[in-house]
N, C-alpha and C. Protein backbone atom coordinates (compact mmCIF):
# COMPACT_ATOMS: atom_id res chain seq x y z
N UNK A 1 -94.76 166.55 53.71
CA UNK A 1 -94.47 165.11 54.76
C UNK A 1 -94.18 165.33 56.21
N UNK A 2 -93.84 166.92 56.69
CA UNK A 2 -93.54 167.40 58.10
C UNK A 2 -95.16 166.88 58.89
N UNK A 3 -96.02 167.14 58.25
CA UNK A 3 -97.42 166.85 58.99
C UNK A 3 -97.62 165.18 59.43
N UNK A 4 -97.17 164.63 58.29
CA UNK A 4 -97.08 163.26 58.33
C UNK A 4 -95.91 162.65 59.86
N UNK A 5 -95.16 162.98 59.64
CA UNK A 5 -94.22 163.15 60.63
C UNK A 5 -94.76 163.81 62.37
N UNK A 6 -95.45 164.59 62.01
CA UNK A 6 -96.02 165.30 63.25
C UNK A 6 -97.13 164.03 64.08
N UNK A 7 -98.03 163.38 62.96
CA UNK A 7 -99.05 162.54 63.27
C UNK A 7 -98.33 161.47 63.92
N UNK A 8 -97.07 161.08 63.55
CA UNK A 8 -96.26 159.90 64.31
C UNK A 8 -96.02 160.20 65.60
N UNK A 9 -95.75 161.66 65.58
CA UNK A 9 -94.77 162.09 67.00
C UNK A 9 -95.93 162.05 67.92
N UNK A 10 -97.27 162.45 67.53
CA UNK A 10 -98.56 162.70 68.70
C UNK A 10 -98.24 161.04 68.90
N UNK A 11 -98.50 159.95 68.20
CA UNK A 11 -98.43 158.68 68.80
C UNK A 11 -97.48 158.48 69.72
N UNK A 12 -96.20 158.91 69.32
CA UNK A 12 -95.25 158.67 70.43
C UNK A 12 -95.63 159.51 71.82
N UNK A 13 -95.80 160.16 71.62
CA UNK A 13 -96.27 161.46 73.07
C UNK A 13 -97.54 160.59 73.74
N UNK A 14 -98.38 159.65 72.77
CA UNK A 14 -99.37 158.88 73.85
C UNK A 14 -98.83 157.82 74.72
N UNK A 15 -97.73 157.49 74.30
CA UNK A 15 -97.00 156.64 75.32
C UNK A 15 -97.51 156.21 76.51
N UNK A 16 -97.65 157.64 77.06
CA UNK A 16 -97.95 157.64 78.46
C UNK A 16 -99.54 157.57 78.43
N UNK A 17 -100.33 157.42 77.57
CA UNK A 17 -101.90 157.61 77.51
C UNK A 17 -102.17 156.72 78.41
N UNK A 18 -103.13 157.12 79.29
CA UNK A 18 -103.95 156.11 80.28
C UNK A 18 -103.13 155.28 81.71
N UNK A 19 -102.49 154.44 81.51
CA UNK A 19 -102.05 153.91 82.12
C UNK A 19 -100.41 153.26 82.04
N UNK A 20 -99.54 153.02 83.35
CA UNK A 20 -98.13 152.48 83.08
C UNK A 20 -98.09 151.17 83.56
N UNK A 21 -98.90 150.59 84.24
CA UNK A 21 -99.19 149.31 84.50
C UNK A 21 -98.29 148.88 85.47
N UNK A 22 -97.58 150.28 86.36
CA UNK A 22 -96.48 150.05 87.39
C UNK A 22 -95.14 150.11 86.86
N UNK A 23 -94.97 150.14 85.57
CA UNK A 23 -93.38 150.28 84.92
C UNK A 23 -93.02 151.71 84.86
N UNK A 24 -92.33 152.31 85.90
CA UNK A 24 -91.50 153.93 86.27
C UNK A 24 -90.86 153.69 84.81
N UNK A 25 -91.30 155.42 84.14
CA UNK A 25 -90.14 155.87 83.24
C UNK A 25 -88.77 156.01 83.87
N UNK A 26 -87.77 155.56 82.85
CA UNK A 26 -86.25 155.87 83.49
C UNK A 26 -85.95 157.58 83.79
N UNK A 27 -84.83 157.56 83.92
CA UNK A 27 -84.45 159.40 84.22
C UNK A 27 -83.35 159.47 83.34
N UNK A 28 -83.29 160.79 82.21
CA UNK A 28 -82.17 161.02 82.09
C UNK A 28 -81.08 161.51 82.70
N UNK A 29 -80.04 161.65 82.63
CA UNK A 29 -78.63 162.26 83.32
C UNK A 29 -78.96 163.86 82.91
N UNK A 30 -79.17 164.44 84.04
CA UNK A 30 -79.09 166.18 83.77
C UNK A 30 -78.27 166.63 82.92
N UNK A 31 -78.27 167.77 82.22
CA UNK A 31 -78.06 168.49 81.23
C UNK A 31 -78.34 168.57 79.77
N UNK A 32 -77.45 168.81 78.55
CA UNK A 32 -77.96 169.22 77.64
C UNK A 32 -77.88 167.73 76.89
N UNK A 33 -79.21 167.66 76.10
CA UNK A 33 -79.58 166.50 75.50
C UNK A 33 -79.91 166.92 73.74
N UNK A 34 -79.32 166.12 72.81
CA UNK A 34 -79.59 166.48 71.44
C UNK A 34 -80.62 165.40 70.79
N UNK A 35 -81.87 165.98 70.38
CA UNK A 35 -83.22 165.03 69.81
C UNK A 35 -82.71 164.76 68.44
N UNK A 36 -83.09 163.86 67.79
CA UNK A 36 -82.78 163.98 66.12
C UNK A 36 -83.97 162.82 65.82
N UNK A 37 -84.82 163.19 65.20
CA UNK A 37 -86.18 162.57 64.60
C UNK A 37 -85.97 162.19 63.05
N UNK A 38 -85.99 161.18 62.80
CA UNK A 38 -86.14 161.04 61.30
C UNK A 38 -87.54 159.70 61.14
N UNK A 39 -88.25 159.51 60.01
CA UNK A 39 -88.85 158.59 59.47
C UNK A 39 -89.07 158.13 58.22
N UNK A 40 -89.64 157.09 58.19
CA UNK A 40 -89.55 156.65 56.66
C UNK A 40 -89.87 157.73 55.59
N UNK A 41 -90.74 158.80 55.56
CA UNK A 41 -90.89 159.61 54.96
C UNK A 41 -90.18 160.49 54.68
N UNK A 42 -89.58 161.08 56.04
CA UNK A 42 -88.99 162.41 56.12
C UNK A 42 -87.20 162.03 56.53
N UNK A 43 -86.63 161.26 55.92
CA UNK A 43 -85.16 160.98 56.09
C UNK A 43 -84.08 161.80 56.64
N UNK A 44 -84.14 163.36 56.44
CA UNK A 44 -83.50 164.22 56.75
C UNK A 44 -83.92 164.42 58.26
N UNK A 45 -82.86 164.70 59.16
CA UNK A 45 -83.56 164.77 60.69
C UNK A 45 -83.74 166.13 61.03
N UNK A 46 -84.75 165.94 61.91
CA UNK A 46 -85.02 167.12 62.68
C UNK A 46 -84.20 167.17 64.13
N UNK A 47 -83.62 168.03 64.48
CA UNK A 47 -82.93 168.39 65.36
C UNK A 47 -83.11 169.84 66.46
N UNK A 48 -83.19 168.83 67.53
CA UNK A 48 -83.49 169.60 68.83
C UNK A 48 -82.52 169.72 70.05
N UNK A 49 -82.30 170.63 70.60
CA UNK A 49 -81.53 170.22 71.67
C UNK A 49 -82.24 170.94 72.97
N UNK A 50 -81.98 170.21 74.16
CA UNK A 50 -83.24 170.21 75.45
C UNK A 50 -81.93 170.29 76.25
N UNK A 51 -82.68 170.96 77.42
CA UNK A 51 -81.84 170.93 78.93
C UNK A 51 -82.50 171.05 79.83
N UNK A 52 -82.12 169.34 80.25
CA UNK A 52 -82.69 168.90 81.31
C UNK A 52 -82.08 169.55 82.89
N UNK A 53 -82.80 169.39 83.84
CA UNK A 53 -82.58 169.03 85.35
C UNK A 53 -83.24 168.04 85.76
N UNK A 54 -83.60 167.76 86.87
CA UNK A 54 -84.39 166.85 87.63
C UNK A 54 -85.74 167.32 87.34
N UNK A 55 -85.95 168.18 87.71
CA UNK A 55 -87.62 168.61 87.49
C UNK A 55 -88.29 168.81 86.37
N UNK A 56 -87.64 169.16 85.79
CA UNK A 56 -87.87 169.01 83.72
C UNK A 56 -88.01 167.79 83.40
N UNK A 57 -86.77 166.40 83.97
CA UNK A 57 -87.03 165.43 83.50
C UNK A 57 -88.12 164.79 83.99
N UNK A 58 -88.98 164.95 85.07
CA UNK A 58 -89.94 164.46 85.60
C UNK A 58 -91.10 164.98 84.61
N UNK A 59 -91.13 166.13 84.48
CA UNK A 59 -92.19 167.02 83.88
C UNK A 59 -92.55 166.28 82.31
N UNK A 60 -91.21 166.01 81.64
CA UNK A 60 -91.05 165.68 80.33
C UNK A 60 -90.33 164.16 80.25
N UNK A 61 -90.93 163.31 80.49
CA UNK A 61 -90.11 161.63 81.14
C UNK A 61 -90.18 161.07 79.88
N UNK A 62 -89.04 159.94 79.94
CA UNK A 62 -88.91 159.41 78.65
C UNK A 62 -89.55 158.50 78.07
N UNK A 63 -90.49 157.78 78.81
CA UNK A 63 -91.77 157.24 78.15
C UNK A 63 -92.93 158.13 77.98
N UNK A 64 -93.29 159.69 78.10
CA UNK A 64 -94.65 160.25 77.94
C UNK A 64 -94.87 160.81 79.19
N UNK A 65 -95.99 161.35 78.78
CA UNK A 65 -96.88 162.02 80.32
C UNK A 65 -98.06 160.87 79.87
N UNK A 66 -98.37 160.53 81.57
CA UNK A 66 -99.50 159.66 81.48
C UNK A 66 -100.78 160.50 81.19
N UNK A 67 -101.72 159.93 80.49
CA UNK A 67 -103.03 160.96 80.37
C UNK A 67 -104.26 159.74 80.67
N UNK A 68 -105.20 160.23 80.95
CA UNK A 68 -106.39 159.82 80.99
C UNK A 68 -106.90 158.77 79.78
N UNK A 69 -107.33 157.60 79.78
CA UNK A 69 -108.01 156.91 79.12
C UNK A 69 -109.03 157.89 78.00
N UNK A 70 -109.81 158.78 78.83
CA UNK A 70 -111.03 159.42 78.06
C UNK A 70 -110.25 160.53 77.17
N UNK A 71 -109.31 160.57 77.17
CA UNK A 71 -108.52 162.27 76.46
C UNK A 71 -107.96 163.28 77.42
N UNK A 72 -108.73 163.03 78.78
CA UNK A 72 -107.99 164.23 79.72
C UNK A 72 -108.92 165.54 79.57
N UNK A 73 -108.04 166.64 79.55
CA UNK A 73 -108.87 167.85 79.44
C UNK A 73 -109.60 168.64 78.44
N UNK A 74 -109.36 167.59 77.05
CA UNK A 74 -109.84 168.03 75.81
C UNK A 74 -108.87 168.80 75.13
N UNK A 75 -109.47 169.73 73.80
CA UNK A 75 -108.62 170.40 73.21
C UNK A 75 -108.04 169.70 72.23
N UNK A 76 -107.27 170.61 71.19
CA UNK A 76 -106.89 169.53 69.98
C UNK A 76 -106.00 168.32 70.02
N UNK A 77 -105.13 168.51 71.49
CA UNK A 77 -104.15 167.09 71.85
C UNK A 77 -105.23 165.74 72.55
N UNK A 78 -106.14 166.03 72.86
CA UNK A 78 -106.89 165.03 73.42
C UNK A 78 -107.16 163.68 72.76
N UNK A 79 -107.19 162.99 73.71
CA UNK A 79 -107.08 161.38 72.76
C UNK A 79 -107.96 160.49 73.77
N UNK A 80 -108.62 159.64 72.88
CA UNK A 80 -109.09 158.18 73.68
C UNK A 80 -108.51 157.44 73.55
N UNK A 81 -108.02 156.28 74.48
CA UNK A 81 -107.14 155.03 74.20
C UNK A 81 -108.08 154.02 74.67
N UNK A 82 -108.41 153.24 73.77
CA UNK A 82 -108.89 151.86 73.76
C UNK A 82 -107.84 150.51 74.07
N UNK A 83 -106.56 150.74 74.09
CA UNK A 83 -105.65 149.94 74.12
C UNK A 83 -104.09 150.39 74.63
N UNK A 84 -103.72 150.07 75.89
CA UNK A 84 -102.68 150.25 76.50
C UNK A 84 -101.69 149.42 76.95
N UNK A 85 -100.67 148.74 76.73
CA UNK A 85 -99.75 148.24 77.42
C UNK A 85 -98.25 148.79 77.14
N UNK A 86 -97.47 148.01 78.49
CA UNK A 86 -96.51 148.66 78.56
C UNK A 86 -95.20 147.63 79.56
N UNK A 87 -94.04 147.05 79.04
CA UNK A 87 -93.45 146.10 79.67
C UNK A 87 -92.30 146.25 79.42
N UNK A 88 -91.30 146.09 80.31
CA UNK A 88 -89.75 146.30 80.42
C UNK A 88 -88.89 145.10 80.70
N UNK A 89 -87.94 145.06 79.85
CA UNK A 89 -86.95 144.01 80.28
C UNK A 89 -85.26 144.48 79.86
N UNK A 90 -84.84 144.31 81.22
CA UNK A 90 -83.53 145.17 81.03
C UNK A 90 -83.77 146.90 80.86
N UNK A 91 -82.98 147.04 80.05
CA UNK A 91 -83.29 148.64 80.19
C UNK A 91 -84.14 149.08 78.77
N UNK A 92 -84.69 148.11 78.41
CA UNK A 92 -85.78 148.06 76.91
C UNK A 92 -87.09 147.97 77.64
N UNK A 93 -87.81 149.40 76.85
CA UNK A 93 -89.41 149.32 77.20
C UNK A 93 -90.22 149.44 75.97
N UNK A 94 -91.26 148.64 76.02
CA UNK A 94 -92.03 148.43 75.00
C UNK A 94 -93.40 149.06 75.16
N UNK A 95 -93.93 149.65 74.46
CA UNK A 95 -95.28 150.19 74.23
C UNK A 95 -96.27 150.07 73.34
N UNK A 96 -97.58 149.41 73.60
CA UNK A 96 -98.18 149.10 72.23
C UNK A 96 -99.52 150.00 73.21
N UNK A 97 -100.07 150.62 71.67
CA UNK A 97 -101.29 151.45 71.89
C UNK A 97 -102.28 151.41 71.24
N UNK A 98 -103.33 151.88 71.16
CA UNK A 98 -104.33 151.99 69.70
C UNK A 98 -105.28 153.16 70.78
N UNK A 99 -105.09 154.51 69.88
CA UNK A 99 -106.03 155.44 70.26
C UNK A 99 -106.37 156.31 69.19
N UNK A 100 -107.65 156.82 69.54
CA UNK A 100 -108.50 157.71 68.27
C UNK A 100 -107.89 159.24 68.76
N UNK A 101 -107.73 159.89 67.74
CA UNK A 101 -106.89 161.26 67.71
C UNK A 101 -107.52 162.25 66.47
N UNK A 102 -108.34 163.23 66.90
CA UNK A 102 -108.53 164.09 65.80
C UNK A 102 -109.56 163.32 64.57
N UNK A 103 -109.81 162.06 64.86
CA UNK A 103 -111.02 161.47 63.90
C UNK A 103 -110.14 160.22 63.16
N UNK A 104 -108.57 160.35 63.45
CA UNK A 104 -108.05 159.03 62.99
C UNK A 104 -107.75 158.20 64.33
N UNK A 105 -107.52 156.46 63.97
CA UNK A 105 -107.08 156.02 64.81
C UNK A 105 -105.96 155.56 64.56
N UNK A 106 -105.05 155.36 65.69
CA UNK A 106 -103.77 155.43 65.56
C UNK A 106 -103.29 154.29 66.57
N UNK A 107 -102.61 153.29 65.71
CA UNK A 107 -101.87 151.84 66.85
C UNK A 107 -100.56 152.21 66.55
N UNK A 108 -99.86 152.29 67.88
CA UNK A 108 -98.70 152.65 68.10
C UNK A 108 -97.99 151.39 68.70
N UNK A 109 -96.73 151.06 68.10
CA UNK A 109 -95.89 150.03 68.85
C UNK A 109 -94.53 150.92 69.02
N UNK A 110 -93.73 150.99 70.00
CA UNK A 110 -92.62 151.46 70.30
C UNK A 110 -91.68 150.59 71.22
N UNK A 111 -90.45 150.86 70.73
CA UNK A 111 -89.35 150.18 71.65
C UNK A 111 -88.06 151.40 71.69
N UNK A 112 -88.32 151.33 72.97
CA UNK A 112 -87.17 152.68 73.68
C UNK A 112 -86.14 151.77 74.18
N UNK A 113 -84.59 151.86 74.16
CA UNK A 113 -83.51 151.45 74.30
C UNK A 113 -82.38 151.88 74.70
N UNK A 114 -81.66 151.65 75.33
CA UNK A 114 -79.89 152.45 75.44
C UNK A 114 -79.82 152.76 76.96
N UNK A 115 -78.60 153.47 77.03
CA UNK A 115 -77.91 154.09 77.88
C UNK A 115 -78.87 155.27 78.40
N UNK A 116 -79.65 155.52 79.37
CA UNK A 116 -80.34 156.81 79.64
C UNK A 116 -79.39 157.96 80.36
N UNK A 117 -77.96 157.30 80.06
CA UNK A 117 -77.06 158.80 80.74
C UNK A 117 -76.04 158.76 79.64
N UNK A 118 -76.25 158.49 78.70
CA UNK A 118 -75.39 159.05 77.30
C UNK A 118 -76.33 159.03 76.16
N UNK A 119 -76.77 157.84 75.67
CA UNK A 119 -77.60 157.50 74.54
C UNK A 119 -78.71 156.42 74.38
N UNK A 120 -80.19 157.28 73.84
CA UNK A 120 -81.02 156.21 74.06
C UNK A 120 -81.85 156.38 72.45
N UNK A 121 -82.27 155.18 72.04
CA UNK A 121 -83.58 155.48 71.08
C UNK A 121 -85.20 155.20 71.06
N UNK A 122 -85.83 155.58 70.46
CA UNK A 122 -87.63 154.83 70.27
C UNK A 122 -87.40 154.70 69.22
N UNK A 123 -87.88 153.40 68.75
CA UNK A 123 -88.43 153.25 67.46
C UNK A 123 -90.00 152.87 67.06
N UNK A 124 -90.45 153.52 66.22
CA UNK A 124 -92.12 153.45 66.45
C UNK A 124 -92.60 153.22 65.17
N UNK A 125 -93.34 152.22 65.52
CA UNK A 125 -94.16 151.86 63.89
C UNK A 125 -95.68 152.11 64.21
N UNK A 126 -96.27 152.99 63.41
CA UNK A 126 -97.23 153.74 63.35
C UNK A 126 -98.39 153.17 62.48
N UNK A 127 -99.38 152.60 62.50
CA UNK A 127 -100.54 152.13 61.93
C UNK A 127 -101.88 153.04 61.65
N UNK A 128 -101.90 154.04 60.79
CA UNK A 128 -103.02 155.40 61.26
C UNK A 128 -104.27 155.15 60.12
N UNK A 129 -105.25 155.12 60.70
CA UNK A 129 -106.31 154.88 59.68
C UNK A 129 -107.28 156.07 60.17
N UNK A 130 -107.78 156.67 58.72
CA UNK A 130 -109.06 157.76 58.87
C UNK A 130 -108.57 159.23 59.20
N UNK A 131 -107.32 159.43 58.68
CA UNK A 131 -106.86 160.71 58.99
C UNK A 131 -107.51 161.57 57.84
N UNK A 132 -107.82 162.70 57.58
CA UNK A 132 -108.12 163.63 56.81
C UNK A 132 -107.22 163.63 55.28
N UNK A 133 -106.00 163.66 55.76
CA UNK A 133 -105.08 163.61 54.59
C UNK A 133 -104.86 161.92 54.34
N UNK A 134 -105.32 161.56 53.15
CA UNK A 134 -104.81 159.74 52.86
C UNK A 134 -102.80 159.75 53.09
N UNK A 135 -102.61 160.83 52.69
CA UNK A 135 -100.94 160.23 52.72
C UNK A 135 -100.52 160.14 54.27
N UNK A 136 -101.11 160.39 55.26
CA UNK A 136 -100.80 159.99 56.78
C UNK A 136 -101.48 158.56 56.86
N UNK A 137 -102.21 158.03 56.18
CA UNK A 137 -102.92 157.05 56.54
C UNK A 137 -101.32 155.90 56.33
N UNK A 138 -101.53 154.40 56.71
CA UNK A 138 -100.93 153.36 56.48
C UNK A 138 -100.04 153.28 57.77
N UNK A 139 -98.84 152.64 57.12
CA UNK A 139 -97.79 152.01 58.44
C UNK A 139 -96.31 153.12 58.05
N UNK A 140 -95.87 153.52 59.12
CA UNK A 140 -94.72 154.34 59.09
C UNK A 140 -94.01 154.08 60.45
N UNK A 141 -92.63 154.47 60.00
CA UNK A 141 -91.40 153.73 61.22
C UNK A 141 -90.75 155.39 61.62
N UNK A 142 -90.81 155.58 62.61
CA UNK A 142 -90.34 156.80 63.09
C UNK A 142 -89.12 156.55 64.07
N UNK A 143 -87.61 156.75 64.09
CA UNK A 143 -86.82 157.11 64.81
C UNK A 143 -86.63 158.27 65.83
N UNK A 144 -86.20 158.24 66.78
CA UNK A 144 -86.33 159.14 67.75
C UNK A 144 -85.23 159.18 68.50
N UNK A 145 -83.90 159.65 68.35
CA UNK A 145 -82.57 159.48 69.25
C UNK A 145 -82.16 160.60 70.13
N UNK A 146 -81.88 160.19 71.08
CA UNK A 146 -81.23 161.31 72.01
C UNK A 146 -79.94 160.78 72.53
N UNK A 147 -79.18 161.89 72.33
CA UNK A 147 -77.67 161.78 72.84
C UNK A 147 -77.05 162.96 73.75
N UNK A 148 -76.39 162.80 75.14
CA UNK A 148 -76.22 163.43 75.63
C UNK A 148 -75.03 163.90 75.53
N UNK A 149 -74.86 165.53 75.69
CA UNK A 149 -73.95 166.43 74.95
C UNK A 149 -73.31 167.14 76.24
N UNK A 150 -73.14 167.00 77.56
CA UNK A 150 -72.49 167.43 78.61
C UNK A 150 -73.83 168.80 79.46
N UNK A 151 -72.81 169.60 79.80
CA UNK A 151 -73.52 170.55 80.70
C UNK A 151 -74.16 171.41 79.50
N UNK A 152 -75.55 172.19 79.60
CA UNK A 152 -76.05 172.99 79.15
C UNK A 152 -75.65 174.31 79.16
N UNK A 153 -75.47 174.86 77.53
CA UNK A 153 -74.72 176.19 77.64
C UNK A 153 -75.59 176.95 78.26
N UNK A 154 -74.69 177.94 78.34
CA UNK A 154 -75.43 179.56 79.10
C UNK A 154 -76.95 179.89 78.65
N UNK A 155 -76.95 179.87 77.06
CA UNK A 155 -78.24 180.42 76.50
C UNK A 155 -79.38 179.46 76.54
N UNK A 156 -78.83 178.31 77.38
CA UNK A 156 -80.34 177.07 77.38
C UNK A 156 -80.25 176.85 78.87
N UNK A 157 -81.49 177.38 79.54
CA UNK A 157 -81.81 176.83 80.69
C UNK A 157 -82.13 175.73 80.86
N UNK A 158 -82.09 175.19 82.32
CA UNK A 158 -83.13 173.77 82.49
C UNK A 158 -84.66 174.19 81.96
N UNK A 159 -84.94 173.33 81.62
CA UNK A 159 -86.69 173.54 81.00
C UNK A 159 -86.85 173.91 79.86
N UNK A 160 -85.96 174.51 79.08
CA UNK A 160 -85.96 175.11 77.88
C UNK A 160 -85.25 174.07 76.56
N UNK A 161 -85.66 174.53 75.43
CA UNK A 161 -85.37 173.50 74.21
C UNK A 161 -85.17 174.54 73.56
N UNK A 162 -84.01 174.30 72.36
CA UNK A 162 -83.87 174.80 71.31
C UNK A 162 -84.39 174.25 70.11
N UNK A 163 -85.15 174.73 69.34
CA UNK A 163 -86.21 174.23 68.40
C UNK A 163 -85.22 174.41 67.24
N UNK A 164 -85.39 173.20 66.10
CA UNK A 164 -84.55 173.00 65.02
C UNK A 164 -84.50 174.92 64.31
N UNK A 165 -85.30 175.28 64.35
CA UNK A 165 -85.05 176.85 63.85
C UNK A 165 -84.14 177.60 64.42
N UNK A 166 -83.61 177.11 65.54
CA UNK A 166 -82.66 177.87 66.66
C UNK A 166 -83.60 178.79 67.72
N UNK A 167 -85.21 178.86 67.52
CA UNK A 167 -85.39 179.30 68.71
C UNK A 167 -85.58 178.78 69.99
N UNK A 168 -85.40 179.45 71.04
CA UNK A 168 -85.45 179.14 72.58
C UNK A 168 -86.56 179.22 73.22
N UNK A 169 -87.24 178.00 73.34
CA UNK A 169 -88.66 178.04 74.14
C UNK A 169 -88.74 177.14 75.49
N UNK A 170 -89.96 177.37 76.27
CA UNK A 170 -89.99 176.44 77.10
C UNK A 170 -90.41 175.27 76.84
N UNK A 171 -89.98 173.87 77.70
CA UNK A 171 -90.61 172.92 77.35
C UNK A 171 -91.92 172.88 77.53
N UNK A 172 -92.74 173.60 78.31
CA UNK A 172 -94.25 173.35 78.83
C UNK A 172 -94.88 173.55 77.10
N UNK A 173 -94.43 174.56 76.36
CA UNK A 173 -94.92 175.17 75.46
C UNK A 173 -94.98 174.11 73.94
N UNK A 174 -93.87 172.72 74.46
CA UNK A 174 -93.58 171.84 73.69
C UNK A 174 -94.73 170.42 73.50
N UNK A 175 -95.45 170.55 74.37
CA UNK A 175 -96.45 169.57 75.03
C UNK A 175 -97.72 169.32 73.85
N UNK A 176 -97.71 167.83 73.34
CA UNK A 176 -98.74 167.54 72.49
C UNK A 176 -98.76 168.46 71.05
N UNK A 177 -97.97 169.17 70.87
CA UNK A 177 -97.92 170.29 69.68
C UNK A 177 -96.52 169.77 68.69
N UNK A 178 -96.61 170.39 67.72
CA UNK A 178 -95.29 170.33 66.79
C UNK A 178 -94.07 171.18 67.17
N UNK A 179 -93.51 171.38 66.43
CA UNK A 179 -92.29 172.15 66.52
C UNK A 179 -92.76 173.86 66.48
N UNK A 180 -93.77 173.99 65.77
CA UNK A 180 -94.36 175.42 66.16
C UNK A 180 -94.53 175.77 67.45
N UNK A 181 -94.94 177.00 67.81
CA UNK A 181 -95.50 177.82 68.84
C UNK A 181 -96.31 177.18 69.50
N UNK A 182 -96.62 177.03 70.81
CA UNK A 182 -98.14 177.21 71.70
C UNK A 182 -98.68 175.71 71.75
N UNK A 183 -97.58 174.56 71.60
CA UNK A 183 -97.95 173.14 71.74
C UNK A 183 -98.75 172.81 72.94
N UNK A 184 -99.51 172.30 72.83
CA UNK A 184 -100.38 171.67 73.97
C UNK A 184 -99.63 170.43 74.87
N UNK A 185 -97.27 167.58 74.74
CA UNK A 185 -96.64 166.56 75.32
C UNK A 185 -96.14 165.52 74.48
N UNK A 186 -92.26 163.05 74.73
CA UNK A 186 -92.95 164.06 74.72
C UNK A 186 -93.03 163.96 74.26
N UNK A 187 -93.24 163.84 74.51
CA UNK A 187 -92.89 163.21 74.33
C UNK A 187 -92.04 162.72 73.98
N UNK A 188 -89.27 164.16 74.68
CA UNK A 188 -89.41 164.14 74.57
C UNK A 188 -89.37 163.71 74.39
N UNK A 189 -90.51 164.08 73.78
CA UNK A 189 -90.43 163.63 73.55
C UNK A 189 -90.18 163.29 73.01
N UNK A 190 -91.39 164.57 72.25
CA UNK A 190 -91.69 163.84 71.48
C UNK A 190 -91.03 164.30 72.41
N UNK A 191 -91.21 166.02 70.54
CA UNK A 191 -91.03 164.15 71.33
C UNK A 191 -91.51 164.27 71.99
N UNK A 192 -91.55 163.60 71.57
CA UNK A 192 -91.18 163.21 71.94
C UNK A 192 -91.57 163.36 72.11
N UNK A 193 -91.45 163.10 73.24
CA UNK A 193 -90.31 163.49 73.35
C UNK A 193 -90.24 162.38 73.61
N UNK A 194 -89.96 162.53 75.56
CA UNK A 194 -88.83 161.77 75.12
C UNK A 194 -89.52 160.94 73.92
N UNK A 195 -90.30 160.22 74.26
CA UNK A 195 -90.85 159.75 73.44
C UNK A 195 -91.87 161.30 72.91
N UNK A 196 -91.45 161.92 73.76
CA UNK A 196 -91.84 163.16 73.79
C UNK A 196 -92.07 163.73 72.50
N UNK A 197 -93.06 164.14 72.28
CA UNK A 197 -92.98 164.95 71.01
C UNK A 197 -94.31 165.19 70.30
N UNK A 198 -94.63 165.91 70.15
CA UNK A 198 -95.40 166.72 69.28
C UNK A 198 -96.68 166.21 68.41
N UNK A 199 -97.86 166.48 68.37
CA UNK A 199 -98.24 167.59 67.57
C UNK A 199 -99.53 167.89 67.31
N UNK A 200 -100.12 169.03 67.94
CA UNK A 200 -101.18 169.07 68.32
C UNK A 200 -102.10 169.28 66.79
N UNK A 201 -101.28 169.54 65.82
CA UNK A 201 -102.00 169.65 64.25
C UNK A 201 -102.04 168.13 63.41
N UNK A 202 -101.60 167.27 64.37
CA UNK A 202 -100.99 166.02 63.38
C UNK A 202 -102.29 165.40 62.43
N UNK A 203 -103.58 165.50 63.09
CA UNK A 203 -104.65 165.09 62.08
C UNK A 203 -105.62 165.83 61.72
N UNK A 204 -105.44 167.14 61.64
CA UNK A 204 -105.97 168.03 60.74
C UNK A 204 -105.70 167.95 59.31
């Protein structure tokens, strides 16, 4: 079921696909953030630690990275989006998109809310069609929770992530892939991530 979750995380990372319609992504407080991801199919949380400074927060924004509607630079994480809308009400951000990714069509509805200095959550509903694995099709829900934990520890520098397996990697390697190495955005992200997060192998 991890691949099913990765499919959803890809949809989250596409929150920045196409355009933001003038809505600016909020900024997190600098320091250490814990990301916990659960879904209807994978209730056990996937937990990672992210060390943000101002520069890495801009590189890995809460609402995901902007992508061109035609899929940008190509490769396994490339996506074409036929629909993208984003709205803001107070500290709540709502994103709706429909994108094609690896032969699958993914409709994504995500709501991000909370205190970006302490704790925020993105709840995403995904409706996938055409994935090569039938188990990944249909509607699924993913909850992506970020909690501020204070200053980064000495072993985790700004722009670095401690993955669920304990390995420390650069955030740049987390773009567009799963928690495996060499990902291409986070969303995080997804994460997300922010929404930022993961996954180049999602639709395989």
